[in-house]
Structures are given as C-alpha cells and as structure tokens.
Amino acid sequence: MRFLIWVGFLFLSHSVFAQTADLKVQINHASSDQGKILVLVFNSEKGFPESIDQAFQRLVLVPKNKKVEFTLENIPSGKYAITVLHDEDNNGKMSTSLMGFPQEKYGFSNNPKIYFGPPSFEKAAILLGRENKTVQINLR
C-alpha cells in the first residue's frame, strides 16, 4: 500500500511541476507566396542552425501574404533557437550565388545581426518558461 501511495505521489508531483507553454511564431517578410517556409527548432546548440536530424521540431509551411504563423503547443521549458528558410524554388536547401551569398531569404529567432555566417545558438535562443510566448522572425 505504501508503494502505491508513493507511486501516486510521484505521478502527481511530476504532472504538477512539469512546466510547459505554447510558443507562437510569426514569420514575416517572405519574398513571395511561392515555395515553402522551412523551419527548424533546436533545444540545444548541437546541430544548430542547419542539422535537420538534430532539430527538436521540423516544419514545412506554405507562405500566405508573404508570412506564416504557427504555434508549438505544450513545449517543455528551456532554451530554443529557430532557423527559418524561405525555400522559394522548392529545392529543399538554401540557394546561393557563385560567391556563396544567400539567394533566398532566411532568419533566426531573436533576429540577431548577421556578420560572416550564422549566429550562435545563444544569440538566437529564446527562454521559454511557464508563460506562453510569441516571437517574430523577420526574414532577410
């Protein structure tokens, strides 16, 4: 009997103390409504910003009026960083010029300044706690 009470307490305490929230993401300034918006959500720096296999979540969305909006529901509290690519030509990757400069729009959570390569996970990281949060990503 004592064991059952203990197991019940553990189950109840886990559900009471588990912290989740919804993360609403608004992506603005797509080039057009052509192609797809590719989104990778990372919950650690491992694989950030482009390793599809190490992303916490992956989404493929269709832009409408040059923007996209979605909500990730019941996400555990923690740090998250988001990478976005407007794959306008539907080839599944970022198209670049002969010099290696991006030809398609892209963006990151926190809209960090971009110098010579992608930002670090920390610069793009969003801290999610118990409260629902909305973030805007402006494609460039």
N, C-alpha and C. Protein backbone atom coordinates (compact mmCIF):
# COMPACT_ATOMS: atom_id res chain seq x y z
N MET A 1 0.82 -1.18 0.00
CA MET A 1 0.00 0.00 0.00
C MET A 1 0.87 1.26 0.00
N ARG A 2 1.91 1.23 0.82
CA ARG A 2 2.82 2.37 0.89
C ARG A 2 3.44 2.65 -0.48
N PHE A 3 3.79 1.58 -1.20
CA PHE A 3 4.37 1.70 -2.53
C PHE A 3 3.40 2.41 -3.48
N LEU A 4 2.13 2.04 -3.44
CA LEU A 4 1.13 2.67 -4.31
C LEU A 4 0.96 4.15 -3.99
N ILE A 5 0.98 4.50 -2.74
CA ILE A 5 0.88 5.91 -2.35
C ILE A 5 2.09 6.67 -2.87
N TRP A 6 3.27 6.08 -2.73
CA TRP A 6 4.50 6.72 -3.21
C TRP A 6 4.47 6.92 -4.73
N VAL A 7 4.06 5.89 -5.46
CA VAL A 7 3.96 5.99 -6.92
C VAL A 7 2.94 7.05 -7.31
N GLY A 8 1.81 7.08 -6.63
CA GLY A 8 0.78 8.10 -6.89
C GLY A 8 1.32 9.50 -6.64
N PHE A 9 2.08 9.69 -5.57
CA PHE A 9 2.67 10.98 -5.26
C PHE A 9 3.65 11.41 -6.35
N LEU A 10 4.50 10.48 -6.78
CA LEU A 10 5.46 10.79 -7.85
C LEU A 10 4.74 11.19 -9.14
N PHE A 11 3.70 10.47 -9.50
CA PHE A 11 2.94 10.78 -10.71
C PHE A 11 2.31 12.15 -10.60
N LEU A 12 1.68 12.44 -9.47
CA LEU A 12 1.03 13.72 -9.26
C LEU A 12 2.04 14.86 -9.23
N SER A 13 3.14 14.69 -8.53
CA SER A 13 4.14 15.75 -8.44
C SER A 13 4.77 16.02 -9.80
N HIS A 14 4.96 14.98 -10.61
CA HIS A 14 5.53 15.19 -11.94
C HIS A 14 4.59 16.02 -12.81
N SER A 15 3.31 15.72 -12.76
CA SER A 15 2.36 16.46 -13.59
C SER A 15 2.17 17.89 -13.07
N VAL A 16 2.27 18.10 -11.77
CA VAL A 16 2.11 19.44 -11.22
C VAL A 16 3.33 20.31 -11.51
N PHE A 17 4.53 19.72 -11.46
CA PHE A 17 5.74 20.51 -11.60
C PHE A 17 6.27 20.57 -13.04
N ALA A 18 5.72 19.73 -13.91
CA ALA A 18 6.16 19.79 -15.31
C ALA A 18 5.74 21.13 -15.89
N GLN A 19 6.71 21.86 -16.44
CA GLN A 19 6.43 23.19 -16.96
C GLN A 19 6.41 23.14 -18.48
N THR A 20 5.29 23.49 -19.03
CA THR A 20 5.18 23.59 -20.48
C THR A 20 4.47 24.89 -20.81
N ALA A 21 4.65 25.32 -22.05
CA ALA A 21 3.99 26.52 -22.53
C ALA A 21 3.87 26.42 -24.04
N ASP A 22 3.09 27.31 -24.60
CA ASP A 22 2.94 27.38 -26.05
C ASP A 22 3.88 28.46 -26.58
N LEU A 23 4.48 28.18 -27.72
CA LEU A 23 5.37 29.14 -28.38
C LEU A 23 4.75 29.48 -29.73
N LYS A 24 4.27 30.70 -29.83
CA LYS A 24 3.67 31.18 -31.08
C LYS A 24 4.76 31.88 -31.88
N VAL A 25 4.88 31.51 -33.16
CA VAL A 25 5.93 32.05 -34.02
C VAL A 25 5.30 32.74 -35.22
N GLN A 26 5.69 33.98 -35.44
CA GLN A 26 5.24 34.75 -36.60
C GLN A 26 6.46 35.03 -37.47
N ILE A 27 6.38 34.58 -38.72
CA ILE A 27 7.48 34.78 -39.67
C ILE A 27 7.02 35.78 -40.72
N ASN A 28 7.77 36.87 -40.86
CA ASN A 28 7.38 37.96 -41.74
C ASN A 28 8.40 38.20 -42.85
N HIS A 29 7.97 38.89 -43.89
CA HIS A 29 8.81 39.38 -44.99
C HIS A 29 9.33 38.30 -45.92
N ALA A 30 8.51 37.28 -46.18
CA ALA A 30 8.90 36.32 -47.22
C ALA A 30 8.95 37.06 -48.55
N SER A 31 9.70 36.54 -49.49
CA SER A 31 9.83 37.19 -50.80
C SER A 31 8.53 37.15 -51.58
N SER A 32 7.79 36.07 -51.42
CA SER A 32 6.54 35.87 -52.17
C SER A 32 5.75 34.78 -51.47
N ASP A 33 4.68 34.35 -52.12
CA ASP A 33 3.92 33.21 -51.60
C ASP A 33 4.31 31.92 -52.31
N GLN A 34 5.38 31.96 -53.08
CA GLN A 34 5.88 30.78 -53.79
C GLN A 34 6.74 29.93 -52.86
N GLY A 35 6.84 28.65 -53.17
CA GLY A 35 7.72 27.77 -52.41
C GLY A 35 7.20 27.45 -51.03
N LYS A 36 8.14 27.10 -50.15
CA LYS A 36 7.81 26.69 -48.78
C LYS A 36 8.67 27.46 -47.79
N ILE A 37 8.17 27.54 -46.57
CA ILE A 37 8.93 28.08 -45.44
C ILE A 37 9.39 26.87 -44.64
N LEU A 38 10.71 26.68 -44.56
CA LEU A 38 11.29 25.56 -43.82
C LEU A 38 11.72 26.07 -42.44
N VAL A 39 11.29 25.39 -41.40
CA VAL A 39 11.55 25.81 -40.03
C VAL A 39 12.20 24.68 -39.26
N LEU A 40 13.31 24.99 -38.57
CA LEU A 40 13.95 24.05 -37.66
C LEU A 40 13.96 24.68 -36.27
N VAL A 41 13.51 23.93 -35.28
CA VAL A 41 13.51 24.39 -33.89
C VAL A 41 14.50 23.52 -33.13
N PHE A 42 15.47 24.15 -32.49
CA PHE A 42 16.51 23.44 -31.74
C PHE A 42 16.33 23.70 -30.25
N ASN A 43 16.56 22.66 -29.43
CA ASN A 43 16.52 22.84 -27.98
C ASN A 43 17.91 22.71 -27.36
N SER A 44 18.94 22.70 -28.22
CA SER A 44 20.33 22.76 -27.75
C SER A 44 21.17 23.26 -28.91
N GLU A 45 22.41 23.61 -28.63
CA GLU A 45 23.28 24.12 -29.68
C GLU A 45 23.76 23.01 -30.62
N LYS A 46 23.57 21.77 -30.21
CA LYS A 46 24.01 20.65 -31.05
C LYS A 46 23.21 20.64 -32.36
N GLY A 47 23.92 20.82 -33.46
CA GLY A 47 23.29 20.80 -34.77
C GLY A 47 22.79 22.14 -35.27
N PHE A 48 22.72 23.12 -34.39
CA PHE A 48 22.22 24.44 -34.79
C PHE A 48 23.22 25.08 -35.75
N PRO A 49 22.81 25.68 -36.83
CA PRO A 49 21.46 26.04 -37.24
C PRO A 49 20.85 25.17 -38.33
N GLU A 50 21.57 24.15 -38.84
CA GLU A 50 21.03 23.52 -40.04
C GLU A 50 20.90 22.00 -40.03
N SER A 51 21.25 21.35 -38.95
CA SER A 51 21.18 19.89 -38.93
C SER A 51 19.74 19.43 -38.69
N ILE A 52 19.11 18.98 -39.75
CA ILE A 52 17.71 18.54 -39.67
C ILE A 52 17.55 17.40 -38.67
N ASP A 53 18.49 16.49 -38.65
CA ASP A 53 18.40 15.32 -37.77
C ASP A 53 18.49 15.66 -36.29
N GLN A 54 19.09 16.79 -35.96
CA GLN A 54 19.25 17.14 -34.55
C GLN A 54 18.26 18.21 -34.09
N ALA A 55 17.35 18.60 -34.97
CA ALA A 55 16.35 19.60 -34.60
C ALA A 55 15.31 18.96 -33.68
N PHE A 56 14.82 19.75 -32.75
CA PHE A 56 13.76 19.34 -31.83
C PHE A 56 12.45 19.17 -32.60
N GLN A 57 12.18 20.10 -33.52
CA GLN A 57 11.00 20.03 -34.37
C GLN A 57 11.34 20.57 -35.74
N ARG A 58 10.66 20.03 -36.77
CA ARG A 58 10.83 20.48 -38.15
C ARG A 58 9.45 20.76 -38.72
N LEU A 59 9.33 21.87 -39.44
CA LEU A 59 8.05 22.19 -40.06
C LEU A 59 8.29 22.66 -41.49
N VAL A 60 7.34 22.36 -42.35
CA VAL A 60 7.33 22.85 -43.72
C VAL A 60 5.97 23.51 -43.89
N LEU A 61 6.00 24.82 -44.16
CA LEU A 61 4.77 25.61 -44.21
C LEU A 61 4.67 26.37 -45.53
N VAL A 62 3.46 26.74 -45.88
CA VAL A 62 3.21 27.49 -47.11
C VAL A 62 2.96 28.95 -46.74
N PRO A 63 3.73 29.87 -47.33
CA PRO A 63 3.50 31.29 -47.01
C PRO A 63 2.19 31.80 -47.62
N LYS A 64 1.58 32.71 -46.91
CA LYS A 64 0.37 33.38 -47.40
C LYS A 64 0.52 34.85 -47.06
N ASN A 65 0.38 35.70 -48.06
CA ASN A 65 0.59 37.14 -47.89
C ASN A 65 1.99 37.43 -47.36
N LYS A 66 2.95 36.64 -47.83
CA LYS A 66 4.37 36.80 -47.51
C LYS A 66 4.69 36.59 -46.03
N LYS A 67 3.87 35.78 -45.35
CA LYS A 67 4.14 35.47 -43.94
C LYS A 67 3.57 34.12 -43.57
N VAL A 68 3.95 33.66 -42.40
CA VAL A 68 3.50 32.38 -41.85
C VAL A 68 3.38 32.55 -40.35
N GLU A 69 2.41 31.88 -39.77
CA GLU A 69 2.24 31.90 -38.31
C GLU A 69 1.88 30.48 -37.87
N PHE A 70 2.49 30.04 -36.77
CA PHE A 70 2.18 28.72 -36.22
C PHE A 70 2.43 28.75 -34.72
N THR A 71 1.90 27.74 -34.03
CA THR A 71 2.09 27.62 -32.59
C THR A 71 2.58 26.22 -32.26
N LEU A 72 3.65 26.16 -31.49
CA LEU A 72 4.14 24.89 -30.94
C LEU A 72 3.52 24.79 -29.55
N GLU A 73 2.72 23.77 -29.33
CA GLU A 73 1.97 23.66 -28.08
C GLU A 73 2.65 22.72 -27.09
N ASN A 74 2.48 23.06 -25.81
CA ASN A 74 2.98 22.24 -24.69
C ASN A 74 4.46 21.92 -24.82
N ILE A 75 5.25 22.92 -25.07
CA ILE A 75 6.70 22.77 -25.18
C ILE A 75 7.30 22.84 -23.78
N PRO A 76 8.18 21.90 -23.43
CA PRO A 76 8.82 21.95 -22.11
C PRO A 76 9.65 23.23 -21.95
N SER A 77 9.72 23.74 -20.74
CA SER A 77 10.50 24.95 -20.50
C SER A 77 11.96 24.69 -20.86
N GLY A 78 12.64 25.73 -21.32
CA GLY A 78 14.03 25.60 -21.71
C GLY A 78 14.40 26.64 -22.74
N LYS A 79 15.58 26.47 -23.33
CA LYS A 79 16.07 27.37 -24.37
C LYS A 79 15.81 26.76 -25.73
N TYR A 80 15.34 27.60 -26.64
CA TYR A 80 15.05 27.17 -28.01
C TYR A 80 15.58 28.21 -28.98
N ALA A 81 16.07 27.75 -30.11
CA ALA A 81 16.50 28.65 -31.19
C ALA A 81 15.87 28.14 -32.48
N ILE A 82 15.43 29.08 -33.30
CA ILE A 82 14.70 28.73 -34.52
C ILE A 82 15.44 29.25 -35.74
N THR A 83 15.54 28.40 -36.74
CA THR A 83 16.12 28.74 -38.04
C THR A 83 15.00 28.67 -39.08
N VAL A 84 14.96 29.67 -39.98
CA VAL A 84 13.91 29.71 -41.00
C VAL A 84 14.55 29.96 -42.36
N LEU A 85 14.05 29.27 -43.37
CA LEU A 85 14.47 29.49 -44.75
C LEU A 85 13.23 29.57 -45.62
N HIS A 86 13.15 30.61 -46.45
CA HIS A 86 12.09 30.66 -47.46
C HIS A 86 12.63 29.98 -48.71
N ASP A 87 12.31 28.71 -48.86
CA ASP A 87 12.78 27.91 -49.99
C ASP A 87 11.86 28.19 -51.18
N GLU A 88 12.08 29.33 -51.77
CA GLU A 88 11.19 29.83 -52.82
C GLU A 88 11.22 28.94 -54.07
N ASP A 89 12.35 28.31 -54.35
CA ASP A 89 12.46 27.47 -55.54
C ASP A 89 12.19 25.98 -55.25
N ASN A 90 11.79 25.67 -54.02
CA ASN A 90 11.41 24.30 -53.63
C ASN A 90 12.48 23.25 -53.88
N ASN A 91 13.75 23.62 -53.71
CA ASN A 91 14.81 22.61 -53.91
C ASN A 91 15.27 21.99 -52.59
N GLY A 92 14.68 22.41 -51.46
CA GLY A 92 14.99 21.80 -50.16
C GLY A 92 16.24 22.31 -49.49
N LYS A 93 16.87 23.34 -50.06
CA LYS A 93 18.08 23.90 -49.46
C LYS A 93 18.20 25.37 -49.84
N MET A 94 19.11 26.06 -49.16
CA MET A 94 19.32 27.47 -49.46
C MET A 94 20.09 27.60 -50.78
N SER A 95 19.53 28.35 -51.69
CA SER A 95 20.21 28.62 -52.95
C SER A 95 21.19 29.77 -52.73
N THR A 96 22.40 29.62 -53.26
CA THR A 96 23.42 30.65 -53.08
C THR A 96 24.00 31.07 -54.43
N SER A 97 24.64 32.24 -54.43
CA SER A 97 25.32 32.73 -55.62
C SER A 97 26.65 31.99 -55.79
N LEU A 98 27.34 32.26 -56.87
CA LEU A 98 28.66 31.66 -57.09
C LEU A 98 29.63 32.02 -55.98
N MET A 99 29.43 33.17 -55.36
CA MET A 99 30.29 33.62 -54.26
C MET A 99 29.85 33.04 -52.91
N GLY A 100 28.73 32.31 -52.89
CA GLY A 100 28.25 31.70 -51.66
C GLY A 100 27.27 32.55 -50.87
N PHE A 101 26.84 33.68 -51.43
CA PHE A 101 25.88 34.54 -50.74
C PHE A 101 24.46 33.98 -50.91
N PRO A 102 23.65 34.03 -49.86
CA PRO A 102 22.27 33.50 -49.94
C PRO A 102 21.45 34.21 -51.02
N GLN A 103 20.70 33.43 -51.78
CA GLN A 103 19.80 33.96 -52.80
C GLN A 103 18.35 33.89 -52.34
N GLU A 104 18.10 33.23 -51.21
CA GLU A 104 16.76 33.12 -50.66
C GLU A 104 16.76 33.72 -49.26
N LYS A 105 15.59 34.18 -48.85
CA LYS A 105 15.50 34.82 -47.54
C LYS A 105 15.59 33.78 -46.42
N TYR A 106 16.14 34.22 -45.29
CA TYR A 106 16.33 33.35 -44.13
C TYR A 106 16.20 34.22 -42.88
N GLY A 107 16.10 33.57 -41.74
CA GLY A 107 16.03 34.31 -40.48
C GLY A 107 16.24 33.39 -39.29
N PHE A 108 16.40 34.03 -38.13
CA PHE A 108 16.62 33.30 -36.88
C PHE A 108 15.79 33.95 -35.78
N SER A 109 15.44 33.17 -34.78
CA SER A 109 14.77 33.74 -33.62
C SER A 109 15.66 34.82 -33.02
N ASN A 110 15.06 35.82 -32.43
CA ASN A 110 15.72 37.00 -31.85
C ASN A 110 16.24 37.96 -32.92
N ASN A 111 16.11 37.61 -34.20
CA ASN A 111 16.56 38.48 -35.29
C ASN A 111 17.96 39.05 -35.03
N PRO A 112 18.94 38.19 -34.72
CA PRO A 112 20.29 38.70 -34.40
C PRO A 112 20.96 39.28 -35.66
N LYS A 113 21.92 40.15 -35.43
CA LYS A 113 22.71 40.68 -36.54
C LYS A 113 23.52 39.54 -37.14
N ILE A 114 23.63 39.55 -38.45
CA ILE A 114 24.38 38.52 -39.16
C ILE A 114 25.64 39.17 -39.72
N TYR A 115 26.79 38.58 -39.42
CA TYR A 115 28.04 39.13 -39.92
C TYR A 115 28.63 38.18 -40.97
N PHE A 116 29.46 37.28 -40.59
CA PHE A 116 30.10 36.35 -41.52
C PHE A 116 29.70 34.92 -41.19
N GLY A 117 28.44 34.62 -41.32
CA GLY A 117 27.94 33.29 -41.02
C GLY A 117 26.78 33.36 -40.05
N PRO A 118 26.20 32.23 -39.73
CA PRO A 118 25.02 32.21 -38.87
C PRO A 118 25.37 32.61 -37.43
N PRO A 119 24.37 33.07 -36.70
CA PRO A 119 24.60 33.42 -35.29
C PRO A 119 24.79 32.16 -34.45
N SER A 120 25.29 32.34 -33.26
CA SER A 120 25.42 31.22 -32.33
C SER A 120 24.04 30.85 -31.80
N PHE A 121 23.94 29.67 -31.24
CA PHE A 121 22.69 29.23 -30.60
C PHE A 121 22.28 30.24 -29.54
N GLU A 122 23.23 30.70 -28.74
CA GLU A 122 22.92 31.63 -27.64
C GLU A 122 22.32 32.94 -28.15
N LYS A 123 22.81 33.45 -29.27
CA LYS A 123 22.28 34.72 -29.80
C LYS A 123 20.87 34.56 -30.34
N ALA A 124 20.52 33.36 -30.77
CA ALA A 124 19.19 33.11 -31.31
C ALA A 124 18.25 32.49 -30.26
N ALA A 125 18.78 32.16 -29.09
CA ALA A 125 17.99 31.42 -28.09
C ALA A 125 16.88 32.25 -27.47
N ILE A 126 15.76 31.58 -27.28
CA ILE A 126 14.58 32.12 -26.61
C ILE A 126 14.41 31.30 -25.35
N LEU A 127 14.17 31.95 -24.23
CA LEU A 127 13.93 31.23 -22.99
C LEU A 127 12.43 31.07 -22.80
N LEU A 128 12.00 29.83 -22.71
CA LEU A 128 10.58 29.54 -22.55
C LEU A 128 10.37 28.96 -21.16
N GLY A 129 9.47 29.57 -20.41
CA GLY A 129 9.15 29.09 -19.06
C GLY A 129 7.73 28.56 -19.03
N ARG A 130 6.96 28.98 -18.04
CA ARG A 130 5.57 28.54 -17.90
C ARG A 130 4.60 29.39 -18.71
N GLU A 131 5.01 30.60 -19.03
CA GLU A 131 4.13 31.53 -19.75
C GLU A 131 4.22 31.30 -21.25
N ASN A 132 3.09 31.39 -21.93
CA ASN A 132 3.09 31.32 -23.38
C ASN A 132 3.87 32.51 -23.92
N LYS A 133 4.51 32.32 -25.07
CA LYS A 133 5.37 33.36 -25.62
C LYS A 133 5.11 33.48 -27.11
N THR A 134 5.23 34.71 -27.63
CA THR A 134 5.14 34.97 -29.06
C THR A 134 6.46 35.57 -29.52
N VAL A 135 7.00 35.03 -30.61
CA VAL A 135 8.22 35.58 -31.19
C VAL A 135 7.98 35.91 -32.66
N GLN A 136 8.64 36.96 -33.12
CA GLN A 136 8.57 37.34 -34.52
C GLN A 136 9.93 37.16 -35.14
N ILE A 137 9.93 36.56 -36.31
CA ILE A 137 11.18 36.38 -37.07
C ILE A 137 11.01 37.12 -38.39
N ASN A 138 11.90 38.07 -38.63
CA ASN A 138 11.86 38.84 -39.85
C ASN A 138 12.89 38.28 -40.83
N LEU A 139 12.39 37.77 -41.95
CA LEU A 139 13.30 37.21 -42.94
C LEU A 139 14.09 38.33 -43.60
N ARG A 140 15.33 38.01 -43.97
CA ARG A 140 16.18 38.99 -44.65
C ARG A 140 16.78 38.39 -45.89
